[in-house]
Protein backbone atom coordinates (compact mmCIF):
# COMPACT_ATOMS: atom_id res chain seq x y z
CA UNK A 1 0.30 -0.04 0.00
CA UNK A 2 2.47 2.65 0.99
CA UNK A 3 4.71 1.69 -2.04
CA UNK A 4 2.09 2.24 -4.32
CA UNK A 5 1.44 5.50 -2.64
CA UNK A 6 4.88 7.12 -3.42
CA UNK A 7 4.71 5.56 -7.03
CA UNK A 8 1.25 7.24 -7.61
CA UNK A 9 2.20 10.87 -5.99
CA UNK A 10 5.91 10.79 -6.32
CA UNK A 11 6.19 14.07 -8.81
CA UNK A 12 3.79 15.97 -6.46
CA UNK A 13 5.39 14.50 -3.30
CA UNK A 14 8.98 15.30 -4.22
CA UNK A 15 7.93 19.35 -5.09
CA UNK A 16 7.00 19.73 -1.40
CA UNK A 17 9.96 18.04 -0.12
CA UNK A 18 12.98 19.88 -1.30
CA UNK A 19 13.33 22.16 2.03
CA UNK A 20 15.92 20.46 4.91
CA UNK A 21 14.50 19.31 8.00
CA UNK A 22 15.37 21.99 10.87
CA UNK A 23 16.58 18.88 12.67
CA UNK A 24 19.79 18.24 9.92
CA UNK A 25 21.87 20.98 11.44
CA UNK A 26 22.01 19.39 14.71
CA UNK A 27 22.48 16.20 12.56
CA UNK A 28 25.82 17.71 10.92
CA UNK A 29 26.98 17.67 14.72
CA UNK A 30 27.39 13.95 14.44
CA UNK A 31 28.42 12.97 11.29
CA UNK A 32 31.98 11.77 11.02
CA UNK A 33 34.45 14.17 9.17
CA UNK A 34 33.85 15.27 5.72
CA UNK A 35 35.04 12.45 3.22
CA UNK A 36 33.10 9.93 5.07
CA UNK A 37 30.73 7.17 3.63
CA UNK A 38 27.01 7.15 4.08
CA UNK A 39 24.27 4.59 3.90
CA UNK A 40 20.92 6.39 3.32
CA UNK A 41 18.13 3.98 3.78
CA UNK A 42 14.54 5.57 2.68
CA UNK A 43 16.58 7.82 0.80
CA UNK A 44 13.60 9.61 -1.49
CA UNK A 45 14.39 12.55 -3.64
CA UNK A 46 17.68 12.62 -1.88
CA UNK A 47 17.40 16.18 -0.31
CA UNK A 48 19.68 14.99 2.28
CA UNK A 49 22.45 14.82 0.05
CA UNK A 50 22.07 18.21 -1.20
CA UNK A 51 21.67 19.42 1.93
CA UNK A 52 24.98 17.63 2.87
CA UNK A 53 26.18 19.35 -0.44
CA UNK A 54 24.86 22.90 0.62
CA UNK A 55 26.29 22.68 3.86
CA UNK A 56 30.26 21.68 2.93
CA UNK A 57 29.64 18.31 4.92
CA UNK A 58 30.17 16.21 1.65
CA UNK A 59 30.48 12.56 1.79
CA UNK A 60 33.50 10.78 -0.22
CA UNK A 61 30.29 8.41 -1.26
CA UNK A 62 26.92 7.67 -0.50
CA UNK A 63 24.42 4.39 -0.84
CA UNK A 64 21.16 5.75 -1.38
CA UNK A 65 18.60 3.26 -0.90
CA UNK A 66 14.32 3.55 -1.73
CA UNK A 67 11.47 1.41 -3.27
CA UNK A 68 10.39 4.58 -5.39
CA UNK A 69 12.77 4.46 -9.00
CA UNK A 70 11.43 7.96 -9.57
CA UNK A 71 12.28 9.70 -6.13
CA UNK A 72 15.73 8.66 -6.59
CA UNK A 73 16.15 9.89 -10.35
CA UNK A 74 16.29 12.99 -8.47
CA UNK A 75 19.37 15.23 -9.12
CA UNK A 76 22.28 16.02 -6.76
CA UNK A 77 25.59 17.89 -7.86
CA UNK A 78 27.88 16.26 -10.11
CA UNK A 79 30.65 16.06 -7.56
CA UNK A 80 28.80 14.39 -5.24
CA UNK A 81 29.17 10.79 -5.66
CA UNK A 82 25.64 8.86 -5.25
CA UNK A 83 24.79 5.37 -6.23
CA UNK A 84 21.18 4.74 -6.11
CA UNK A 85 19.67 1.26 -5.43
CA UNK A 86 16.22 0.90 -5.91
CA UNK A 87 14.84 -1.85 -3.53
CA UNK A 88 11.76 -2.88 -1.20
CA UNK A 89 13.44 -2.34 2.15
CA UNK A 90 10.16 -4.05 4.02
CA UNK A 91 10.89 -6.83 2.01
CA UNK A 92 15.01 -7.09 3.19
CA UNK A 93 13.71 -7.00 6.66
CA UNK A 94 12.11 -10.19 6.27
CA UNK A 95 15.08 -12.00 5.56
CA UNK A 96 18.73 -11.65 5.33
CA UNK A 97 19.17 -8.97 3.01
CA UNK A 98 21.88 -6.65 4.25
CA UNK A 99 19.85 -3.47 3.54
CA UNK A 100 22.84 -2.14 1.61
CA UNK A 101 22.62 -4.97 -0.58
CA UNK A 102 25.79 -6.16 -0.24
CA UNK A 103 28.80 -6.80 2.10
CA UNK A 104 29.96 -3.02 2.45
CA UNK A 105 29.73 -1.16 5.48
CA UNK A 106 29.72 2.57 6.03
CA UNK A 107 31.09 4.93 8.28
CA UNK A 108 27.45 6.51 9.01
CA UNK A 109 23.72 5.21 8.11
CA UNK A 110 20.66 7.20 8.25
CA UNK A 111 17.30 6.36 7.75
CA UNK A 112 14.83 9.93 7.80
CA UNK A 113 11.29 9.90 7.43
CA UNK A 114 10.42 6.17 6.82
CA UNK A 115 10.61 4.40 10.44
CA UNK A 116 6.82 5.36 10.81
CA UNK A 117 6.27 3.38 7.62
CA UNK A 118 7.59 0.13 8.81
CA UNK A 119 4.15 -2.05 10.45
CA UNK A 120 4.86 -3.66 13.15
CA UNK A 121 7.38 -3.26 16.51
CA UNK A 122 9.03 -6.62 15.21
CA UNK A 123 9.95 -5.25 11.95
CA UNK A 124 11.20 -1.77 13.71
CA UNK A 125 13.83 -3.79 15.73
CA UNK A 126 14.60 -5.27 12.63
CA UNK A 127 15.34 -2.28 10.62
CA UNK A 128 16.96 -0.77 13.83
CA UNK A 129 19.07 -3.76 14.09
CA UNK A 130 20.25 -3.87 10.43
CA UNK A 131 21.21 -0.06 10.30
CA UNK A 132 23.66 -0.93 13.18
CA UNK A 133 24.99 -3.59 10.97
CA UNK A 134 25.78 -1.54 8.09
CA UNK A 135 28.36 0.33 9.83
CA UNK A 136 32.07 -0.10 11.16
CA UNK A 137 32.19 -0.61 14.61
CA UNK A 138 32.40 3.13 16.10
CA UNK A 139 30.20 4.20 13.07
CA UNK A 140 27.05 6.54 13.91
CA UNK A 141 23.62 5.74 13.07
CA UNK A 142 20.78 8.37 13.04
CA UNK A 143 16.79 7.79 12.74
CA UNK A 144 13.73 9.81 12.83
CA UNK A 145 10.90 8.90 14.41
CA UNK A 146 7.46 10.44 13.29
CA UNK A 147 5.37 11.95 16.15
CA UNK A 148 2.34 13.04 14.21
CA UNK A 149 -0.03 12.70 17.37
CA UNK A 150 1.29 16.14 18.34
CA UNK A 151 -0.07 17.65 15.45
CA UNK A 152 -3.94 17.91 15.05
CA UNK A 153 -3.98 18.71 11.78
CA UNK A 154 -2.42 15.55 10.94
CA UNK A 155 -4.59 13.59 12.81
CA UNK A 156 -7.92 14.87 11.91
CA UNK A 157 -6.57 14.04 8.20
CA UNK A 158 -5.40 10.89 9.31
CA UNK A 159 -9.51 10.22 10.53
CA UNK A 160 -10.88 11.39 7.19
CA UNK A 161 -8.44 9.08 5.46
CA UNK A 162 -9.49 5.84 7.37
CA UNK A 163 -13.07 6.83 7.56
CA UNK A 164 -13.17 7.42 3.34
CA UNK A 165 -11.58 3.48 3.51
CA UNK A 166 -13.43 1.92 5.90
CA UNK A 167 -13.95 -1.95 5.64
CA UNK A 168 -11.12 -2.12 3.31
CA UNK A 169 -8.48 -1.23 5.81
CA UNK A 170 -6.37 -3.86 8.29
CA UNK A 171 -9.37 -4.85 10.62
CA UNK A 172 -6.68 -4.34 13.67
CA UNK A 173 -4.25 -1.91 14.38
CA UNK A 174 -1.63 -1.43 16.88
CA UNK A 175 -1.97 1.65 18.98
CA UNK A 176 -0.30 4.38 17.04
CA UNK A 177 -1.11 2.98 13.60
CA UNK A 178 -3.00 5.65 11.06
CA UNK A 179 -3.63 5.64 7.75
CA UNK A 180 -2.69 9.44 5.51
CA UNK A 181 -3.85 10.05 1.97
CA UNK A 182 -1.91 13.01 -0.15
CA UNK A 183 -3.39 16.55 -0.58
CA UNK A 184 -7.44 15.36 -0.09
CA UNK A 185 -6.83 12.40 -2.38
CA UNK A 186 -7.75 9.31 -0.53
CA UNK A 187 -7.64 6.70 -3.45
CA UNK A 188 -3.85 5.71 -2.37
CA UNK A 189 -3.16 5.70 1.49
CA UNK A 190 0.29 5.32 3.02
CA UNK A 191 0.42 3.66 6.35
CA UNK A 192 2.02 5.63 8.83
CA UNK A 193 2.70 4.88 12.86
CA UNK A 194 2.87 7.55 15.53
CA UNK A 195 5.92 6.88 18.22
CA UNK A 196 5.45 7.74 21.97
CA UNK A 197 8.39 8.43 24.19
CA UNK A 198 7.98 5.34 25.56
CA UNK A 199 8.43 2.91 22.31
CA UNK A 200 11.24 5.12 21.20
CA UNK A 201 13.00 4.34 24.28
CA UNK A 202 12.14 0.72 24.69
CA UNK A 203 13.97 0.50 21.16
CA UNK A 204 17.17 2.70 21.98
CA UNK A 205 17.56 0.50 25.00
CA UNK A 206 17.19 -2.77 23.39
CA UNK A 207 19.92 -1.25 20.69
CA UNK A 208 22.38 -0.04 23.87
CA UNK A 209 21.89 -3.64 25.68
CA UNK A 210 22.91 -5.54 22.35
CA UNK A 211 25.36 -3.33 20.67
CA UNK A 212 25.00 0.63 20.52
CA UNK A 213 25.22 3.30 22.64
CA UNK A 214 23.32 6.61 22.76
CA UNK A 215 24.84 9.62 21.81
CA UNK A 216 22.23 12.10 21.56
CA UNK A 217 18.15 12.21 21.45
CA UNK A 218 16.20 15.67 20.31
CA UNK A 219 13.15 16.80 18.93
CA UNK A 220 13.04 19.02 15.79
CA UNK A 221 11.00 19.64 12.96
CA UNK A 222 7.45 20.57 11.95
CA UNK A 223 5.41 23.63 12.88
CA UNK A 224 6.30 22.92 16.68
CA UNK A 225 9.45 21.92 16.10
CA UNK A 226 8.98 18.63 18.18
CA UNK A 227 7.18 16.37 15.11
CA UNK A 228 10.21 13.99 14.77
CA UNK A 229 12.16 12.62 17.91
CA UNK A 230 16.13 11.98 16.42
CA UNK A 231 18.02 9.32 18.08
CA UNK A 232 21.87 9.40 17.61
CA UNK A 233 23.45 5.88 18.17
CA UNK A 234 27.22 4.57 18.11
CA UNK A 235 27.74 0.73 17.16
CA UNK A 236 30.09 -0.45 19.81
CA UNK A 237 30.86 -3.89 18.99
């Protein structure tokens, strides 16, 4: 469902997704020095890469993974080495496939605006584990967790979208699960999960017990500057 949403709305969605997120400015503080290797999971239209370029914090190489070919085709500066990989990330969470699709490991991995599209707590734990496995020991993983329940307008849109498709959606949703349309169109919906602080803490605690340490956690983005919760982890083993 979510993949079909992005295929249907790729052009209009991308046209509204060009400005950098406020939280990314703080993310820069936690990335390795320019010249690092980067894995961008669910890279979308590569605006994070454009932000890095404009900020002068340019990686030596980027592997950008996304399921939507139309978004991956977005342009970046010619002096930035970006390898684009079209892949169904959710599918890779169901087997032993590495997120990067090969044996490469990176200095840093980021995953912005995607964790809330991952259904079930088990798959979200798998994504976090695979993100950590994709970086070197000492490498950094940075993830955003959407908290759409903090925005009444978003919640109203979700209620409208869900009502329009009553009877055709999954009969049982976990707490925090919702569906959203796009610009009033509810013919294609995207699954979205709104994360509570407790959920995020549980995921982070589990990662830190296993093979990571928490470097930073902060809120940013949206009109209230708190719609995303950012987590910065360092792989310890």
